[in-house]
Amino acid sequence: MRINEIFYSLSGEGTSMGVPAIFVRLSGCNLNCSYCDTQYAQEYREDLRVTQIVLRLQLNPIVPLIITGGEPLVQADEVGNLVFATSGRRTEIETNGSIDPPKSWFKDVGCWSVDVKCPSSGPSYGSFKTKWLKRLRKQDQLKFVVGTQEDLDFVKGFLNGMTLKPTVLISPMASILLNKKEGIIEEYWNREWLQEVAEFCKEQNARMSLQLHKIIYGDRKGV
């Protein structure tokens, strides 16, 4: 498997936010979102067998496993083997929703977190595969990253008249701030935008989800 990084941290978003977990970040992605914050995952640092990954996971044998990317389903067969090899551990997979859900091992995953790309994602907009709507369960998540009013209008139209089993997550996009004094890039959330998204979530009965890892650690890898 093409691996970018394996690390232990807190789950940064969604229904498991704040829970200690071990992450396996896979390399490679089939999309190119305008706001992507993990461009570095396009390159891989290691090529590991499933058995080698399992050995590393044993350093944190109790906590959940979160498989992310990049896009994990680019390596769907290998990911399925990893899920099978770690069947005693709760597993969550984060996917961009542009690849159909796997048939044979879908139910073996404890939680699927599936993106629906909004207009501000740029060229990735419209890539969502509707088969996910039929497969997602109560324990899964359907996530929308929103950065503009156009995104909110899209989400409202998408959800209109729809009864969904998974938790609907609305994740407001962070803004970028260049700290010229220290020569670093910082991310922050505009309070007015947060309040607008909060009101939208109340209207739509959706769950607002910030990125905890960015609040705590900023724009760092391996956290």
Protein backbone atom coordinates (compact mmCIF):
# COMPACT_ATOMS: atom_id res chain seq x y z
CA MET A 1 0.00 0.00 0.00
CA ARG A 2 1.19 3.51 -0.81
CA ILE A 3 1.43 5.27 2.56
CA ASN A 4 2.00 8.95 3.24
CA GLU A 5 2.03 8.81 7.05
CA ILE A 6 0.89 6.80 10.07
CA PHE A 7 0.37 8.73 13.29
CA TYR A 8 -1.47 8.80 16.62
CA SER A 9 -3.61 11.82 17.46
CA LEU A 10 -7.14 12.98 18.25
CA SER A 11 -9.88 12.61 15.70
CA GLY A 12 -10.25 16.12 14.33
CA GLU A 13 -13.80 16.22 13.00
CA GLY A 14 -17.15 14.53 12.72
CA THR A 15 -18.94 12.38 15.26
CA SER A 16 -15.66 11.00 16.65
CA MET A 17 -14.08 14.45 17.17
CA GLY A 18 -11.76 14.52 20.17
CA VAL A 19 -11.39 10.74 20.43
CA PRO A 20 -7.81 9.36 20.38
CA ALA A 21 -7.22 7.40 17.19
CA ILE A 22 -4.45 6.06 15.00
CA PHE A 23 -4.42 7.38 11.46
CA VAL A 24 -3.25 5.74 8.27
CA ARG A 25 -3.00 8.39 5.56
CA LEU A 26 -2.80 6.84 2.12
CA SER A 27 -1.17 8.50 -0.86
CA GLY A 28 -2.82 9.56 -4.07
CA CYS A 29 -6.15 11.17 -4.91
CA ASN A 30 -8.37 11.20 -7.99
CA LEU A 31 -9.66 14.74 -7.34
CA ASN A 32 -8.10 18.20 -7.14
CA CYS A 33 -10.17 20.33 -4.77
CA SER A 34 -9.43 24.05 -4.75
CA TYR A 35 -9.19 24.12 -0.94
CA CYS A 36 -7.31 20.85 -0.43
CA ASP A 37 -5.27 20.95 2.79
CA THR A 38 -3.44 17.66 2.22
CA GLN A 39 -1.74 18.20 -1.15
CA TYR A 40 1.31 16.52 0.34
CA ALA A 41 -0.64 13.24 0.35
CA GLN A 42 -0.26 13.01 -3.42
CA GLU A 43 3.25 11.72 -2.81
CA TYR A 44 4.02 8.58 -0.90
CA ARG A 45 6.83 8.01 1.53
CA GLU A 46 6.51 4.27 2.01
CA ASP A 47 5.21 1.22 0.19
CA LEU A 48 4.06 -1.17 2.91
CA ARG A 49 2.38 -4.54 2.98
CA VAL A 50 -0.80 -4.90 5.03
CA THR A 51 1.06 -7.08 7.53
CA GLN A 52 3.64 -4.32 8.06
CA ILE A 53 0.92 -1.76 8.70
CA VAL A 54 -0.79 -4.05 11.19
CA LEU A 55 2.47 -4.37 13.13
CA ARG A 56 2.68 -0.58 13.46
CA LEU A 57 -0.93 -0.34 14.56
CA GLN A 58 -0.18 -2.70 17.43
CA LEU A 59 1.65 0.16 19.15
CA ASN A 60 -1.83 1.58 19.85
CA PRO A 61 -3.94 -1.59 20.03
CA ILE A 62 -7.11 -0.21 21.62
CA VAL A 63 -7.90 3.05 19.85
CA PRO A 64 -9.95 3.30 16.63
CA LEU A 65 -8.31 3.26 13.21
CA ILE A 66 -9.05 6.12 10.80
CA ILE A 67 -8.07 5.53 7.18
CA THR A 68 -7.80 8.77 5.24
CA GLY A 69 -5.91 10.31 2.36
CA GLY A 70 -5.60 11.41 -0.32
CA GLU A 71 -8.41 9.14 -1.35
CA PRO A 72 -8.39 5.66 0.24
CA LEU A 73 -10.61 4.04 -2.39
CA VAL A 74 -7.98 4.67 -5.05
CA GLN A 75 -6.40 1.62 -3.36
CA ALA A 76 -9.72 -0.10 -2.65
CA ASP A 77 -8.53 -3.73 -2.74
CA GLU A 78 -5.65 -3.07 -0.38
CA VAL A 79 -7.86 -1.04 1.97
CA GLY A 80 -10.34 -3.92 2.08
CA ASN A 81 -7.51 -6.26 3.08
CA LEU A 82 -6.44 -3.83 5.82
CA VAL A 83 -10.00 -3.59 7.16
CA PHE A 84 -10.19 -7.40 7.26
CA ALA A 85 -6.78 -7.64 8.99
CA THR A 86 -7.90 -5.16 11.69
CA SER A 87 -11.40 -6.56 12.20
CA GLY A 88 -11.08 -6.41 15.99
CA ARG A 89 -10.68 -2.63 15.91
CA ARG A 90 -13.27 0.05 15.14
CA THR A 91 -12.46 1.45 11.71
CA GLU A 92 -13.49 4.72 10.09
CA ILE A 93 -12.79 5.58 6.45
CA GLU A 94 -12.83 9.12 5.06
CA THR A 95 -13.64 9.23 1.34
CA ASN A 96 -14.38 12.00 -1.13
CA GLY A 97 -17.53 10.33 -2.44
CA SER A 98 -16.40 10.21 -6.08
CA ILE A 99 -15.79 6.45 -6.18
CA ASP A 100 -18.59 3.93 -5.74
CA PRO A 101 -18.75 2.18 -2.35
CA PRO A 102 -17.12 -1.25 -2.23
CA LYS A 103 -19.52 -4.19 -2.44
CA SER A 104 -17.84 -6.99 -0.54
CA TRP A 105 -16.46 -5.21 2.55
CA PHE A 106 -18.63 -2.10 2.95
CA LYS A 107 -20.33 -3.40 6.11
CA ASP A 108 -17.00 -4.34 7.72
CA VAL A 109 -16.21 -0.63 8.21
CA GLY A 110 -17.52 0.82 11.48
CA CYS A 111 -18.09 4.30 10.05
CA TRP A 112 -17.91 5.78 6.57
CA SER A 113 -17.35 9.55 6.37
CA VAL A 114 -18.31 10.58 2.84
CA ASP A 115 -17.87 14.02 1.28
CA VAL A 116 -20.27 15.72 -1.10
CA LYS A 117 -18.21 18.31 -2.96
CA CYS A 118 -19.79 21.77 -3.01
CA PRO A 119 -19.30 24.45 -5.73
CA SER A 120 -16.28 26.03 -4.01
CA SER A 121 -14.37 22.75 -4.38
CA GLY A 122 -13.77 23.83 -7.99
CA PRO A 123 -13.12 21.01 -10.46
CA SER A 124 -14.28 18.39 -7.93
CA TYR A 125 -17.83 19.79 -7.85
CA GLY A 126 -20.36 17.29 -9.19
CA SER A 127 -18.16 14.24 -8.57
CA PHE A 128 -20.41 12.66 -5.90
CA LYS A 129 -21.66 9.14 -6.64
CA THR A 130 -25.32 8.85 -5.60
CA LYS A 131 -24.92 5.12 -4.83
CA TRP A 132 -23.57 6.22 -1.45
CA LEU A 133 -27.02 7.53 -0.46
CA LYS A 134 -28.47 4.03 -0.68
CA ARG A 135 -25.63 2.39 1.23
CA LEU A 136 -24.91 4.78 4.11
CA ARG A 137 -26.15 3.69 7.54
CA LYS A 138 -27.08 5.41 10.77
CA GLN A 139 -23.50 5.20 12.09
CA ASP A 140 -22.05 6.84 8.96
CA GLN A 141 -21.51 10.50 8.06
CA LEU A 142 -22.29 12.64 5.02
CA LYS A 143 -20.09 15.75 5.04
CA PHE A 144 -20.29 19.08 3.21
CA VAL A 145 -17.34 21.51 3.35
CA VAL A 146 -18.79 25.01 2.89
CA GLY A 147 -17.02 28.26 2.18
CA THR A 148 -19.61 30.45 0.45
CA GLN A 149 -23.31 31.25 0.36
CA GLU A 150 -23.44 29.35 -2.92
CA ASP A 151 -22.25 26.26 -1.04
CA LEU A 152 -25.00 26.67 1.56
CA ASP A 153 -27.60 27.02 -1.19
CA PHE A 154 -26.26 23.85 -2.80
CA VAL A 155 -26.45 21.91 0.47
CA LYS A 156 -30.00 23.14 1.10
CA GLY A 157 -31.08 21.99 -2.34
CA PHE A 158 -29.29 18.66 -1.92
CA LEU A 159 -30.99 17.93 1.40
CA ASN A 160 -34.42 19.25 0.40
CA GLY A 161 -37.06 16.56 0.86
CA MET A 162 -34.45 13.90 1.54
CA THR A 163 -34.54 11.53 4.51
CA LEU A 164 -31.02 10.36 5.32
CA LYS A 165 -29.81 7.73 7.76
CA PRO A 166 -26.26 9.07 8.32
CA THR A 167 -25.34 12.13 10.37
CA VAL A 168 -25.15 15.21 8.15
CA LEU A 169 -22.03 17.27 8.87
CA ILE A 170 -21.53 20.87 7.79
CA SER A 171 -17.87 21.87 7.96
CA PRO A 172 -17.10 25.60 7.52
CA MET A 173 -13.96 26.26 5.56
CA ALA A 174 -11.07 27.94 7.33
CA SER A 175 -9.62 31.18 5.99
CA ILE A 176 -5.91 31.64 5.33
CA LEU A 177 -3.85 34.28 7.11
CA LEU A 178 -0.22 35.00 6.27
CA ASN A 179 1.78 35.82 9.38
CA LYS A 180 4.44 37.99 7.70
CA LYS A 181 6.34 38.63 10.93
CA GLU A 182 7.09 34.94 11.49
CA GLY A 183 6.86 33.93 7.85
CA ILE A 184 4.21 31.26 8.35
CA ILE A 185 0.71 30.58 7.09
CA GLU A 186 -2.02 30.38 9.71
CA GLU A 187 -5.64 29.29 9.41
CA TYR A 188 -8.56 30.81 11.22
CA TRP A 189 -12.35 30.80 11.12
CA ASN A 190 -14.18 34.03 10.40
CA ARG A 191 -16.65 34.53 13.24
CA GLU A 192 -19.37 35.97 11.01
CA TRP A 193 -19.10 32.96 8.70
CA LEU A 194 -19.21 30.58 11.65
CA GLN A 195 -22.37 32.22 12.89
CA GLU A 196 -23.96 32.03 9.45
CA VAL A 197 -23.12 28.34 9.18
CA ALA A 198 -24.40 27.76 12.73
CA GLU A 199 -27.77 29.29 11.84
CA PHE A 200 -27.88 27.18 8.68
CA CYS A 201 -27.24 24.00 10.71
CA LYS A 202 -30.08 24.91 13.06
CA GLU A 203 -32.42 25.40 10.12
CA GLN A 204 -31.40 22.14 8.44
CA ASN A 205 -31.08 20.07 11.63
CA ALA A 206 -27.49 19.26 10.66
CA ARG A 207 -24.37 18.95 12.79
CA MET A 208 -21.70 21.64 12.58
CA SER A 209 -18.18 20.23 12.49
CA LEU A 210 -15.01 22.27 12.95
CA GLN A 211 -11.54 20.83 12.41
CA LEU A 212 -10.25 20.36 15.94
CA HIS A 213 -6.73 19.43 14.84
CA LYS A 214 -6.33 22.77 13.06
CA ILE A 215 -7.56 24.69 16.09
CA ILE A 216 -5.04 22.90 18.31
CA TYR A 217 -2.04 22.35 16.02
CA GLY A 218 -2.49 24.67 13.06
CA ASP A 219 -1.29 23.63 9.61
CA ARG A 220 0.95 20.72 10.66
CA LYS A 221 1.34 17.18 9.38
CA GLY A 222 1.05 14.09 11.52
CA VAL A 223 -1.50 15.51 13.93
